[in-house]
Structures are given as C-alpha cells and as structure tokens.
Protein backbone atom coordinates (compact mmCIF):
# COMPACT_ATOMS: atom_id res chain seq x y z
CA UNK A 1 23.02 -28.03 -11.66
CA UNK A 2 20.74 -30.97 -11.05
CA UNK A 3 18.29 -30.51 -8.18
CA UNK A 4 18.52 -33.15 -5.48
CA UNK A 5 15.79 -34.68 -3.42
CA UNK A 6 15.95 -32.90 -0.03
CA UNK A 7 16.45 -36.11 1.95
CA UNK A 8 18.49 -38.05 -0.53
CA UNK A 9 22.05 -38.66 0.51
CA UNK A 10 24.39 -36.08 -0.97
CA UNK A 11 27.66 -37.66 -1.91
CA UNK A 12 31.09 -36.44 -0.97
CA UNK A 13 31.45 -35.75 -4.67
CA UNK A 14 28.72 -33.10 -4.55
CA UNK A 15 30.37 -31.48 -1.57
CA UNK A 16 33.69 -31.42 -3.38
CA UNK A 17 31.95 -30.06 -6.47
CA UNK A 18 30.54 -27.22 -4.39
CA UNK A 19 34.01 -26.49 -3.07
CA UNK A 20 35.42 -26.50 -6.59
CA UNK A 21 32.67 -24.11 -7.67
CA UNK A 22 33.59 -21.84 -4.81
CA UNK A 23 37.28 -21.78 -5.68
CA UNK A 24 36.57 -21.17 -9.36
CA UNK A 25 33.93 -18.49 -8.94
CA UNK A 26 34.09 -16.95 -5.49
CA UNK A 27 37.60 -15.97 -4.51
CA UNK A 28 36.19 -13.20 -2.32
CA UNK A 29 34.76 -15.81 0.00
CA UNK A 30 37.69 -18.18 -0.10
CA UNK A 31 40.95 -16.37 -0.90
CA UNK A 32 42.91 -19.60 -0.58
CA UNK A 33 43.45 -22.59 -2.83
CA UNK A 34 43.43 -25.78 -0.74
CA UNK A 35 44.43 -29.01 -2.48
CA UNK A 36 41.08 -30.72 -2.93
CA UNK A 37 41.54 -32.92 -5.96
CA UNK A 38 40.02 -35.87 -4.15
CA UNK A 39 38.84 -35.17 -0.62
CA UNK A 40 36.74 -37.79 1.14
CA UNK A 41 33.62 -36.17 2.61
CA UNK A 42 34.68 -37.02 6.16
CA UNK A 43 38.02 -35.27 5.66
CA UNK A 44 36.64 -31.96 4.41
CA UNK A 45 36.16 -30.61 7.91
CA UNK A 46 39.47 -31.79 9.34
CA UNK A 47 41.34 -28.86 7.80
CA UNK A 48 40.64 -25.13 8.18
CA UNK A 49 41.05 -24.39 4.48
CA UNK A 50 38.72 -27.08 3.20
CA UNK A 51 36.20 -26.44 5.99
CA UNK A 52 36.11 -22.76 4.99
CA UNK A 53 35.81 -23.76 1.34
CA UNK A 54 32.84 -26.04 2.05
CA UNK A 55 30.96 -23.23 3.76
CA UNK A 56 31.99 -20.74 1.10
CA UNK A 57 30.43 -23.10 -1.42
CA UNK A 58 27.11 -22.89 0.41
CA UNK A 59 27.10 -19.08 0.15
CA UNK A 60 28.11 -19.28 -3.49
CA UNK A 61 25.31 -21.75 -4.16
CA UNK A 62 22.77 -19.49 -2.45
CA UNK A 63 23.81 -16.71 -4.80
CA UNK A 64 23.98 -19.01 -7.82
CA UNK A 65 20.49 -20.44 -7.24
CA UNK A 66 19.10 -16.87 -7.16
CA UNK A 67 16.74 -17.64 -4.28
CA UNK A 68 17.34 -14.21 -2.74
CA UNK A 69 17.45 -11.90 -5.74
CA UNK A 70 16.30 -11.68 -9.31
CA UNK A 71 13.31 -13.15 -11.14
CA UNK A 72 13.27 -16.28 -8.98
CA UNK A 73 14.12 -14.57 -5.71
CA UNK A 74 11.78 -14.79 -2.76
CA UNK A 75 11.29 -11.01 -2.78
CA UNK A 76 10.11 -11.06 -6.40
CA UNK A 77 7.91 -14.15 -6.04
CA UNK A 78 6.20 -13.06 -2.84
CA UNK A 79 5.87 -9.53 -4.22
CA UNK A 80 3.87 -10.91 -7.15
CA UNK A 81 1.91 -13.25 -4.91
CA UNK A 82 1.00 -10.50 -2.46
CA UNK A 83 0.39 -6.78 -2.92
CA UNK A 84 3.78 -5.33 -3.89
CA UNK A 85 4.05 -6.06 -7.62
CA UNK A 86 1.89 -5.97 -10.75
CA UNK A 87 2.52 -8.71 -13.28
CA UNK A 88 3.71 -7.65 -16.73
CA UNK A 89 4.68 -11.09 -18.00
CA UNK A 90 2.88 -13.72 -20.11
CA UNK A 91 4.93 -16.53 -18.49
CA UNK A 92 2.61 -19.10 -16.94
CA UNK A 93 4.28 -19.34 -13.53
CA UNK A 94 4.30 -15.55 -13.13
CA UNK A 95 0.61 -15.50 -13.95
CA UNK A 96 -0.01 -18.33 -11.48
CA UNK A 97 1.84 -16.41 -8.77
CA UNK A 98 0.07 -13.16 -9.51
CA UNK A 99 -3.40 -14.71 -9.54
CA UNK A 100 -2.64 -16.75 -6.42
CA UNK A 101 -3.36 -19.93 -8.38
CA UNK A 102 -0.50 -22.10 -7.16
CA UNK A 103 -0.14 -25.83 -7.47
CA UNK A 104 2.75 -28.10 -6.69
CA UNK A 105 3.45 -28.45 -10.42
CA UNK A 106 3.89 -24.71 -11.00
CA UNK A 107 7.47 -24.09 -12.01
CA UNK A 108 9.69 -22.52 -9.32
CA UNK A 109 7.11 -22.72 -6.52
CA UNK A 110 8.87 -25.67 -4.88
CA UNK A 111 12.40 -24.49 -5.73
CA UNK A 112 13.14 -23.16 -2.25
CA UNK A 113 12.19 -26.49 -0.71
CA UNK A 114 14.51 -28.35 -3.08
CA UNK A 115 17.37 -25.86 -2.95
CA UNK A 116 17.38 -25.35 0.80
CA UNK A 117 17.01 -28.97 1.85
CA UNK A 118 19.84 -29.89 -0.48
CA UNK A 119 22.04 -27.31 1.24
CA UNK A 120 20.76 -28.34 4.67
CA UNK A 121 22.27 -31.76 4.10
CA UNK A 122 25.67 -30.16 3.54
CA UNK A 123 25.23 -27.96 6.62
CA UNK A 124 24.16 -30.88 8.81
CA UNK A 125 27.21 -32.77 7.69
CA UNK A 126 29.38 -29.79 8.47
CA UNK A 127 27.90 -29.39 11.96
CA UNK A 128 28.37 -33.10 12.73
CA UNK A 129 31.99 -32.98 11.62
CA UNK A 130 32.90 -29.63 13.17
CA UNK A 131 31.55 -30.16 16.67
CA UNK A 132 34.33 -32.61 17.61
CA UNK A 133 36.98 -30.92 15.43
CA UNK A 134 38.58 -29.00 18.28
CA UNK A 135 42.04 -29.11 16.69
CA UNK A 136 41.04 -26.65 13.96
CA UNK A 137 42.38 -23.14 14.54
CA UNK A 138 39.11 -21.51 13.45
CA UNK A 139 36.67 -24.27 14.31
CA UNK A 140 34.31 -21.92 16.22
CA UNK A 141 33.97 -19.64 13.20
CA UNK A 142 33.13 -22.46 10.78
CA UNK A 143 30.72 -24.15 13.20
CA UNK A 144 29.05 -20.83 13.99
CA UNK A 145 28.64 -20.12 10.28
CA UNK A 146 27.09 -23.53 9.67
CA UNK A 147 24.62 -23.15 12.56
CA UNK A 148 23.67 -19.64 11.47
CA UNK A 149 23.12 -20.67 7.86
CA UNK A 150 21.04 -23.70 8.89
CA UNK A 151 18.86 -21.39 10.97
CA UNK A 152 18.54 -18.96 8.06
CA UNK A 153 17.36 -21.66 5.66
CA UNK A 154 14.87 -23.07 8.14
CA UNK A 155 13.53 -19.57 8.78
CA UNK A 156 12.69 -19.11 5.10
CA UNK A 157 11.44 -22.66 4.65
CA UNK A 158 8.98 -22.42 7.53
CA UNK A 159 7.79 -19.00 6.40
CA UNK A 160 7.11 -20.32 2.91
CA UNK A 161 5.77 -23.82 3.61
CA UNK A 162 4.70 -23.78 7.28
CA UNK A 163 5.26 -26.99 9.22
CA UNK A 164 8.40 -28.81 8.04
CA UNK A 165 10.38 -32.02 8.34
CA UNK A 166 13.12 -31.09 10.79
CA UNK A 167 16.19 -32.77 9.32
CA UNK A 168 19.13 -32.27 11.67
CA UNK A 169 21.46 -35.05 10.61
CA UNK A 170 23.09 -36.42 7.47
CA UNK A 171 21.40 -39.81 7.92
CA UNK A 172 19.29 -40.02 4.79
CA UNK A 173 17.47 -43.10 6.03
CA UNK A 174 16.09 -41.10 8.93
CA UNK A 175 15.47 -38.01 6.86
CA UNK A 176 13.50 -39.96 4.27
CA UNK A 177 10.89 -40.92 6.89
CA UNK A 178 10.39 -37.57 8.62
CA UNK A 179 6.93 -36.10 9.01
CA UNK A 180 6.27 -32.39 9.26
CA UNK A 181 7.09 -30.89 12.64
CA UNK A 182 4.97 -28.00 13.97
CA UNK A 183 6.29 -24.56 13.14
CA UNK A 184 6.76 -23.91 16.85
CA UNK A 185 9.34 -26.72 16.93
CA UNK A 186 11.06 -25.31 13.87
CA UNK A 187 11.40 -21.96 15.59
CA UNK A 188 12.77 -23.61 18.74
CA UNK A 189 15.50 -25.22 16.65
CA UNK A 190 16.23 -21.98 14.83
CA UNK A 191 16.63 -20.16 18.14
CA UNK A 192 18.85 -22.92 19.52
CA UNK A 193 21.09 -22.80 16.46
CA UNK A 194 21.34 -19.03 16.57
CA UNK A 195 22.16 -18.88 20.27
CA UNK A 196 24.97 -21.36 19.64
CA UNK A 197 26.12 -19.37 16.63
CA UNK A 198 26.14 -16.20 18.72
CA UNK A 199 28.42 -17.83 21.27
CA UNK A 200 30.82 -19.13 18.61
CA UNK A 201 31.08 -16.27 16.13
CA UNK A 202 33.18 -13.18 16.61
CA UNK A 203 31.93 -9.59 16.55
CA UNK A 204 34.40 -8.98 13.76
CA UNK A 205 33.94 -10.20 10.22
CA UNK A 206 36.39 -12.90 9.22
CA UNK A 207 37.62 -14.16 5.88
CA UNK A 208 38.18 -17.74 4.77
CA UNK A 209 41.54 -17.76 6.56
CA UNK A 210 39.94 -16.75 9.84
CA UNK A 211 41.48 -13.29 9.63
CA UNK A 212 39.68 -10.04 10.40
CA UNK A 213 38.27 -8.28 7.34
CA UNK A 214 35.96 -5.41 6.45
CA UNK A 215 34.16 -7.69 3.98
CA UNK A 216 30.68 -8.71 5.17
CA UNK A 217 30.37 -11.78 2.95
CA UNK A 218 30.67 -14.25 5.85
CA UNK A 219 28.30 -14.12 8.83
CA UNK A 220 29.51 -12.84 12.19
CA UNK A 221 27.87 -12.58 15.62
CA UNK A 222 25.84 -9.57 14.52
CA UNK A 223 24.26 -11.61 11.71
CA UNK A 224 23.12 -14.22 14.24
CA UNK A 225 21.79 -11.44 16.47
CA UNK A 226 19.87 -9.85 13.59
CA UNK A 227 18.15 -13.11 12.70
CA UNK A 228 17.43 -13.81 16.37
CA UNK A 229 15.73 -10.42 16.69
CA UNK A 230 13.57 -11.22 13.64
CA UNK A 231 12.68 -14.69 14.91
CA UNK A 232 11.75 -13.37 18.35
CA UNK A 233 9.54 -10.79 16.62
CA UNK A 234 7.82 -13.48 14.58
CA UNK A 235 7.27 -15.65 17.67
CA UNK A 236 6.02 -12.64 19.67
CA UNK A 237 8.78 -12.87 22.23
CA UNK A 238 8.80 -9.10 22.55
CA UNK A 239 11.33 -8.86 25.36
CA UNK A 240 13.99 -10.80 23.52
CA UNK A 241 13.17 -9.10 20.21
CA UNK A 242 13.76 -5.72 21.83
CA UNK A 243 16.95 -6.92 23.50
CA UNK A 244 18.54 -8.46 20.41
CA UNK A 245 17.68 -5.54 18.15
CA UNK A 246 18.87 -3.14 20.84
CA UNK A 247 22.26 -4.84 20.95
CA UNK A 248 22.83 -4.10 17.29
CA UNK A 249 21.47 -0.56 17.48
CA UNK A 250 23.77 0.17 20.40
CA UNK A 251 26.82 -0.84 18.35
CA UNK A 252 26.94 2.49 16.53
CA UNK A 253 30.64 2.12 15.78
CA UNK A 254 30.03 -0.83 13.48
CA UNK A 255 26.46 -0.20 12.31
CA UNK A 256 24.53 2.97 11.65
CA UNK A 257 21.96 4.32 9.23
CA UNK A 258 23.39 5.89 6.13
CA UNK A 259 22.09 7.95 3.21
CA UNK A 260 19.41 6.19 1.18
CA UNK A 261 21.65 6.13 -1.89
CA UNK A 262 24.38 4.34 0.08
CA UNK A 263 22.34 1.64 1.86
CA UNK A 264 22.90 -1.24 -0.55
CA UNK A 265 26.51 -0.55 -1.45
CA UNK A 266 29.02 -3.27 -0.65
CA UNK A 267 29.86 -3.28 3.08
CA UNK A 268 27.72 -0.22 3.79
CA UNK A 269 27.61 0.63 7.53
CA UNK A 270 23.90 -0.20 7.49
CA UNK A 271 24.43 -3.73 6.17
CA UNK A 272 24.73 -6.44 8.80
CA UNK A 273 25.09 -9.38 6.43
CA UNK A 274 24.35 -10.37 2.86
CA UNK A 275 25.46 -12.42 -0.13
CA UNK A 276 28.21 -11.07 -2.32
CA UNK A 277 27.80 -11.53 -6.09
CA UNK A 278 30.33 -13.95 -7.53
CA UNK A 279 32.40 -13.64 -10.66
CA UNK A 280 31.21 -16.78 -12.40
CA UNK A 281 27.51 -15.94 -12.10
CA UNK A 282 26.43 -12.46 -13.23
CA UNK A 283 28.66 -10.53 -10.80
CA UNK A 284 25.82 -8.17 -9.84
CA UNK A 285 22.76 -8.12 -7.65
CA UNK A 286 20.19 -9.40 -10.12
CA UNK A 287 17.44 -7.15 -8.77
CA UNK A 288 19.18 -4.35 -10.69
CA UNK A 289 18.22 -6.07 -13.95
CA UNK A 290 14.97 -7.60 -12.73
CA UNK A 291 13.07 -4.36 -12.14
CA UNK A 292 14.76 -1.52 -14.02
CA UNK A 293 13.02 -0.25 -17.17
CA UNK A 294 15.05 1.86 -19.62
CA UNK A 295 13.50 5.28 -20.34
CA UNK A 296 10.58 5.19 -22.73
CA UNK A 297 10.32 1.42 -23.00
CA UNK A 298 7.33 -0.62 -21.95
CA UNK A 299 7.97 -3.48 -19.50
CA UNK A 300 7.47 -5.91 -22.38
CA UNK A 301 10.09 -4.15 -24.51
CA UNK A 302 12.51 -4.20 -21.58
CA UNK A 303 11.69 -7.84 -20.70
CA UNK A 304 10.67 -6.71 -17.21
CA UNK A 305 8.21 -9.12 -15.65
CA UNK A 306 6.68 -6.89 -12.98
CA UNK A 307 6.30 -3.29 -11.89
CA UNK A 308 5.39 -1.87 -8.51
CA UNK A 309 1.72 -2.17 -7.61
CA UNK A 310 -0.46 0.92 -7.48
CA UNK A 311 -1.14 0.36 -3.80
CA UNK A 312 2.57 0.30 -2.97
CA UNK A 313 3.28 3.44 -5.00
CA UNK A 314 0.39 5.20 -3.27
CA UNK A 315 1.62 4.08 0.15
CA UNK A 316 4.52 6.56 0.03
CA UNK A 317 3.70 9.83 1.76
CA UNK A 318 4.40 13.13 -0.04
CA UNK A 319 8.02 14.04 0.49
CA UNK A 320 9.19 10.50 1.25
CA UNK A 321 12.71 10.39 -0.16
CA UNK A 322 12.50 6.61 -0.50
CA UNK A 323 10.00 7.18 -3.30
CA UNK A 324 12.47 9.29 -5.28
CA UNK A 325 15.67 7.36 -4.45
CA UNK A 326 14.41 3.76 -4.35
CA UNK A 327 11.59 3.97 -6.92
CA UNK A 328 12.21 4.51 -10.61
CA UNK A 329 9.65 6.01 -12.97
CA UNK A 330 9.43 5.09 -16.64
CA UNK A 331 7.34 7.34 -18.85
CA UNK A 332 6.01 5.87 -22.09
CA UNK A 333 4.65 8.62 -24.28
CA UNK A 334 1.26 8.36 -25.93
CA UNK A 335 1.06 6.65 -29.29
CA UNK A 336 -2.05 6.43 -31.43
CA UNK A 337 -4.92 5.47 -29.16
CA UNK A 338 -2.58 4.51 -26.29
CA UNK A 339 -2.33 7.27 -23.68
CA UNK A 340 0.86 8.22 -21.88
CA UNK A 341 1.66 5.61 -19.24
CA UNK A 342 3.81 5.70 -16.12
CA UNK A 343 5.48 2.55 -14.84
CA UNK A 344 7.03 2.48 -11.36
CA UNK A 345 9.77 0.02 -10.52
CA UNK A 346 12.03 -0.94 -7.62
CA UNK A 347 15.36 0.84 -7.98
CA UNK A 348 17.13 0.00 -4.72
CA UNK A 349 19.93 -1.76 -6.57
CA UNK A 350 21.31 0.44 -9.30
CA UNK A 351 24.99 -0.31 -9.82
CA UNK A 352 25.87 -3.11 -12.23
CA UNK A 353 29.15 -3.99 -10.54
CA UNK A 354 31.66 -6.63 -11.52
CA UNK A 355 33.54 -9.14 -9.41
CA UNK A 356 36.75 -7.19 -9.63
CA UNK A 357 35.06 -3.98 -8.57
CA UNK A 358 31.96 -5.09 -6.63
CA UNK A 359 29.71 -2.24 -5.63
CA UNK A 360 26.62 -3.89 -4.14
CA UNK A 361 25.62 -7.04 -2.29
CA UNK A 362 22.37 -8.95 -1.79
CA UNK A 363 21.29 -7.52 1.55
CA UNK A 364 19.58 -9.95 3.91
CA UNK A 365 19.96 -8.01 7.16
CA UNK A 366 20.32 -4.27 7.69
CA UNK A 367 20.00 -1.92 10.62
CA UNK A 368 16.77 -0.19 9.56
CA UNK A 369 14.92 -3.46 10.05
CA UNK A 370 16.31 -3.70 13.58
CA UNK A 371 14.90 -0.27 14.46
CA UNK A 372 11.49 -1.36 13.20
CA UNK A 373 11.73 -4.65 15.08
CA UNK A 374 12.51 -2.79 18.29
CA UNK A 375 9.74 -0.27 17.64
CA UNK A 376 7.17 -3.05 17.34
CA UNK A 377 8.52 -4.92 20.36
CA UNK A 378 8.54 -1.76 22.46
CA UNK A 379 4.95 -1.00 21.50
CA UNK A 380 3.87 -4.50 22.50
CA UNK A 381 5.68 -4.07 25.82
CA UNK A 382 3.85 -0.82 26.52
CA UNK A 383 6.78 1.53 25.77
CA UNK A 384 5.06 3.76 23.23
CA UNK A 385 7.58 6.57 23.70
CA UNK A 386 10.43 4.26 22.76
CA UNK A 387 8.42 2.80 19.90
CA UNK A 388 7.78 6.25 18.42
CA UNK A 389 11.46 7.15 18.84
CA UNK A 390 12.58 4.16 16.75
CA UNK A 391 9.84 4.65 14.18
CA UNK A 392 10.67 8.32 13.77
CA UNK A 393 14.37 7.64 13.27
CA UNK A 394 13.49 5.71 10.12
CA UNK A 395 11.07 8.42 9.04
CA UNK A 396 13.65 11.15 9.61
CA UNK A 397 16.14 9.34 7.39
CA UNK A 398 13.43 9.30 4.69
CA UNK A 399 12.92 13.07 5.02
CA UNK A 400 9.56 12.74 6.76
CA UNK A 401 8.24 14.47 9.89
CA UNK A 402 7.54 12.49 13.07
CA UNK A 403 4.59 10.13 12.93
CA UNK A 404 1.22 11.63 13.81
CA UNK A 405 -0.18 8.25 14.82
CA UNK A 406 -1.70 7.87 18.24
CA UNK A 407 -0.72 5.27 20.79
CA UNK A 408 -3.69 3.16 19.74
CA UNK A 409 -2.72 2.88 16.08
CA UNK A 410 1.07 2.78 16.26
CA UNK A 411 1.03 -0.91 15.30
CA UNK A 412 -0.52 0.02 11.96
CA UNK A 413 1.99 2.85 11.56
CA UNK A 414 4.91 0.45 12.09
CA UNK A 415 3.45 -2.04 9.62
CA UNK A 416 3.09 0.79 7.10
CA UNK A 417 6.67 1.92 7.70
CA UNK A 418 7.93 -1.60 7.18
CA UNK A 419 6.08 -1.69 3.87
CA UNK A 420 7.71 1.43 2.42
CA UNK A 421 11.14 0.76 3.95
CA UNK A 422 11.55 -2.95 3.16
CA UNK A 423 9.57 -3.29 -0.09
CA UNK A 424 10.73 -6.05 -2.47
CA UNK A 425 13.34 -7.18 0.08
CA UNK A 426 13.20 -10.91 0.87
CA UNK A 427 9.39 -11.23 1.31
CA UNK A 428 9.13 -8.97 4.37
CA UNK A 429 5.76 -7.58 3.29
CA UNK A 430 4.00 -10.92 2.75
CA UNK A 431 5.44 -12.39 5.94
CA UNK A 432 4.43 -9.25 7.87
CA UNK A 433 0.84 -9.42 6.67
CA UNK A 434 0.56 -13.05 7.68
CA UNK A 435 2.23 -12.81 11.10
CA UNK A 436 0.19 -9.73 12.07
CA UNK A 437 -3.11 -11.36 11.05
CA UNK A 438 -3.72 -8.94 8.18
CA UNK A 439 -3.13 -11.24 5.21
CA UNK A 440 -6.69 -12.36 4.51
CA UNK A 441 -8.04 -8.81 4.95
CA UNK A 442 -5.61 -7.55 2.29
CA UNK A 443 -5.80 -10.47 -0.13
CA UNK A 444 -9.55 -11.17 -0.14
CA UNK A 445 -10.43 -7.95 -2.00
CA UNK A 446 -7.13 -7.77 -3.89
CA UNK A 447 -7.02 -11.25 -5.43
CA UNK A 448 -10.07 -10.72 -7.71
CA UNK A 449 -8.51 -7.48 -8.97
CA UNK A 450 -5.46 -9.54 -9.95
CA UNK A 451 -7.64 -12.05 -11.81
CA UNK A 452 -7.75 -14.73 -9.13
CA UNK A 453 -9.25 -15.58 -5.77
CA UNK A 454 -7.98 -16.00 -2.24
CA UNK A 455 -8.43 -18.68 0.41
CA UNK A 456 -6.74 -18.80 3.83
CA UNK A 457 -4.80 -21.98 2.98
CA UNK A 458 -2.90 -20.02 0.32
CA UNK A 459 -0.90 -18.35 3.09
CA UNK A 460 1.46 -21.35 2.69
CA UNK A 461 2.86 -22.89 -0.46
CA UNK A 462 2.75 -26.51 -1.70
CA UNK A 463 5.73 -28.86 -1.57
CA UNK A 464 7.11 -31.18 -4.30
CA UNK A 465 4.86 -34.21 -4.95
CA UNK A 466 7.96 -36.30 -5.70
CA UNK A 467 9.10 -35.88 -2.11
CA UNK A 468 5.72 -36.98 -0.81
CA UNK A 469 6.01 -40.07 -2.97
CA UNK A 470 9.39 -40.94 -1.47
CA UNK A 471 8.61 -40.17 2.18
CA UNK A 472 5.59 -42.15 3.46
CA UNK A 473 5.18 -39.80 6.43
CA UNK A 474 5.26 -36.56 4.48
CA UNK A 475 1.95 -34.83 3.66
CA UNK A 476 1.16 -32.08 1.21
CA UNK A 477 0.55 -28.57 2.54
CA UNK A 478 -3.11 -28.46 3.69
CA UNK A 479 -5.47 -27.18 1.01
CA UNK A 480 -3.44 -28.41 -1.96
CA UNK A 481 -4.23 -31.66 -3.79
C-alpha cells in the first residue's frame, strides 16, 4: 500500500479502503458485514457497524504494516540498534541499524513516522466525528478506542523521534504547518487521551457489535490503564504509575501471571491487550519466523537476520526458566576449520497459528510489565519492601530466588529484571536505557564493538526529509543533516 505523507489529507476513499481491507481480512475484529460500497467519509461514523469497521481497519493496518512484530517491528529494529541483538544480515539497513549509522535515507528508519501519522489522520477524523455522535448505541466504545489508539501511536512516535508535530485534527492545512512540540506536551496529550479513554471504555472486552467477548483484540479500559501506567513511569509521576499499575494487579480475576509457556497464547490471562494476526496477512505473529533458527542451520542458511547478543544471553542468571523457555539454542557442528558454534535466538513466539485456529497474538501490554512498573514506582516513593515484593513475584515465576539486591541498588535490579523479562518486546530495553539515563554509558563502549560509534544525539531517530520539504516549520531531528 502506498505510504502517505503524514499531514496530507487522507481521502474518504482511503478510509473506505481500510474498512474493505478489514472486512476481507480481519473478521475476528469485525464479525459483521456493513454495506459500505460507497460511504462518504463523514457518514462512516454515523453508524455503529461502519464506525466499528473503521477502527477495526486501523488495528488491521497496524498488523499489516508489521510495525510491532517481525523484521520491521520496533522490537527488532531497536534490538539491533541497542544491545539486545547481533546482526547476521548483509542487508544495508540492518547494518546501518546495528552500527548505529542512521540517516534519514536509510530504508525503514522513517517508516513509523509515515505509518503512524497516516493512521493518526484516520483516528483524528474518527474522534471529531464520534464526539457528537451520541445517537450511536456503542459510541463510547468506539470513541474510547480511537482515543486510546491515538495515545498509543503518539507514545511510540515520541519515544522514537522525540519532539513531534502534535496533529489533533483532520485539517491538513493546519497539519502541514505544524512545528515540533516538546515531548512534555506530547505526553500531556497522551495522558489526556488515555484518561478520556478510561472513562469511556468498559472493563469488559467488546467485539465489533459492542457485545461482551473473551477476545482481547479490541482495547478495553484495562488497556488504557496499562498504557497510562507506562506513561506515568516514563514521565516520573511515580504516584500515578503505582496507582494505575496497582489497579490492574488488583484485578486478579481478569489478569494474572501464568506459566512462561502460556504467556503469549491468544487471550492468555497475562495479556492485557495486543494485535491479533489476520487471515489475509501471514496469520501468525511474525516474530516466530523472524528469530527461530532450525536445528543445525546457520542464521544465513535460515535467512535469520539477527541472533541474541552475548550480553543479553549472559544477563540470565543460572536457573532462570526464561532462558530455557523463551530462548532457543541452535548448535552448528564443526566443519573443516570452523569450530562448533552456538546461536541463541528469541523464542517467545513459537506457534505458527492460522486465522481459523489462532494461537498467539502480538502482545503490547501484559501484567508482568505492570508488576515491574509498580516495583520501580514504589522504590522511587521510598517503599522498598513493596518494590522487592513486586520484583520477586516476577523472579519467582522465572524459577529464581528472591533478589539479593540491597535497598541502594534495587533500581539496577529492576532494570536488569526488565531486560530479561521484556527482551525483544516492543523496544522496552532501548527506551528503558534512555529514560533511566543509562543509554550513553551502555552504547559508548558497545558501538565500536558493533563496528560503529555512538553520539548522544543518536538516542532519537531522523524523520523523512520529504516531510521537512513540505512543512516549512518542521525541522530535522537534531544531529542529523
């Protein structure tokens, strides 16, 4: 599908095309067939079925664009860029990522900017249309979904590119003249959207007909709460981070930790929200194919672009069950002058499910993260006992004894636990290093070992030069030409 300029007006035809894509390839999200042969853009949100379809199309597009899983997913890209993955590919953009040698012309680096701003236009249009649409039976659900998803996209945009143009309307003339707003303003908007979403969404999961379901493919109030907890953590609002995470942890009927082998299964009790693979595009979580190496094959033979870094493999303590359940080992026997080699790879997603029998989903929020959020917030608030309790719950699930860290170094222990719990998941590690002030300390010595060099400005990525050419008030990310 053609990429659109983030501020360029998106026609009603594109919106209808997204809806058609959804109906054709994502019945799990939609489950109804509204008559949409020719729907004017302004009419899409005047009917529950077409409103649901428009939002379903956004989720389908997020899966289709592979921004959250697979070789172009944020977890893979930031894993290569940081300290989680070792490059095994000759492809130029993988090498550029791995050696921290990015430029705005490097393929894929600006894809999130383009993909997300294109979807933000659709979401802004939905929000504008849904706010006055009080006659819809399920208007609160659709509006809450749109606000949540807008907040989600802005969260990832600002954590990839820093300061951003804050486009909150469908007026392309205004959007085409926006300058970057400070990240603090972006976070304020994210929090505002999420608080509204919290008030609109139900605790239950709902399908495209507004009916209660066990399927977690559409966001509910808990999804908004999970993202709020993460945002409050990132903005160092420790009190609210503890409160929001605590709300989810307290809901043990709906959410609880499960066995490591069951975490990523479809609608697992640990999953709060994620994207469900769609029939038309792959039908599986692409991470399953991205990392897994068949026995005895080299990464090159298996067309695997990256393996786990030595430092990540060594970060697992002896006896950590996550190392045996979530990490695969490929042994390539010696041949000629080549010694036996071990390759370690992420194996969190194992089941190659189909649309008719889906077995896994792309997990964006799960309960283990909420325990670690609360642990960090509690530590910052002086509650070290509570912090250790949350930290040790995650360690116990992994088969480890309680942490031996002292009160003075629990922050480092939590950061370590986040590394081995959340590895290769949606860029947690890179974002954690940056927000805790540890990024330069890790990357300065590591970058030369990867064949590159590090500078502080590389904490943020460049944006598309074409957008700078169109918007006279838009500047490139500092440090990039």
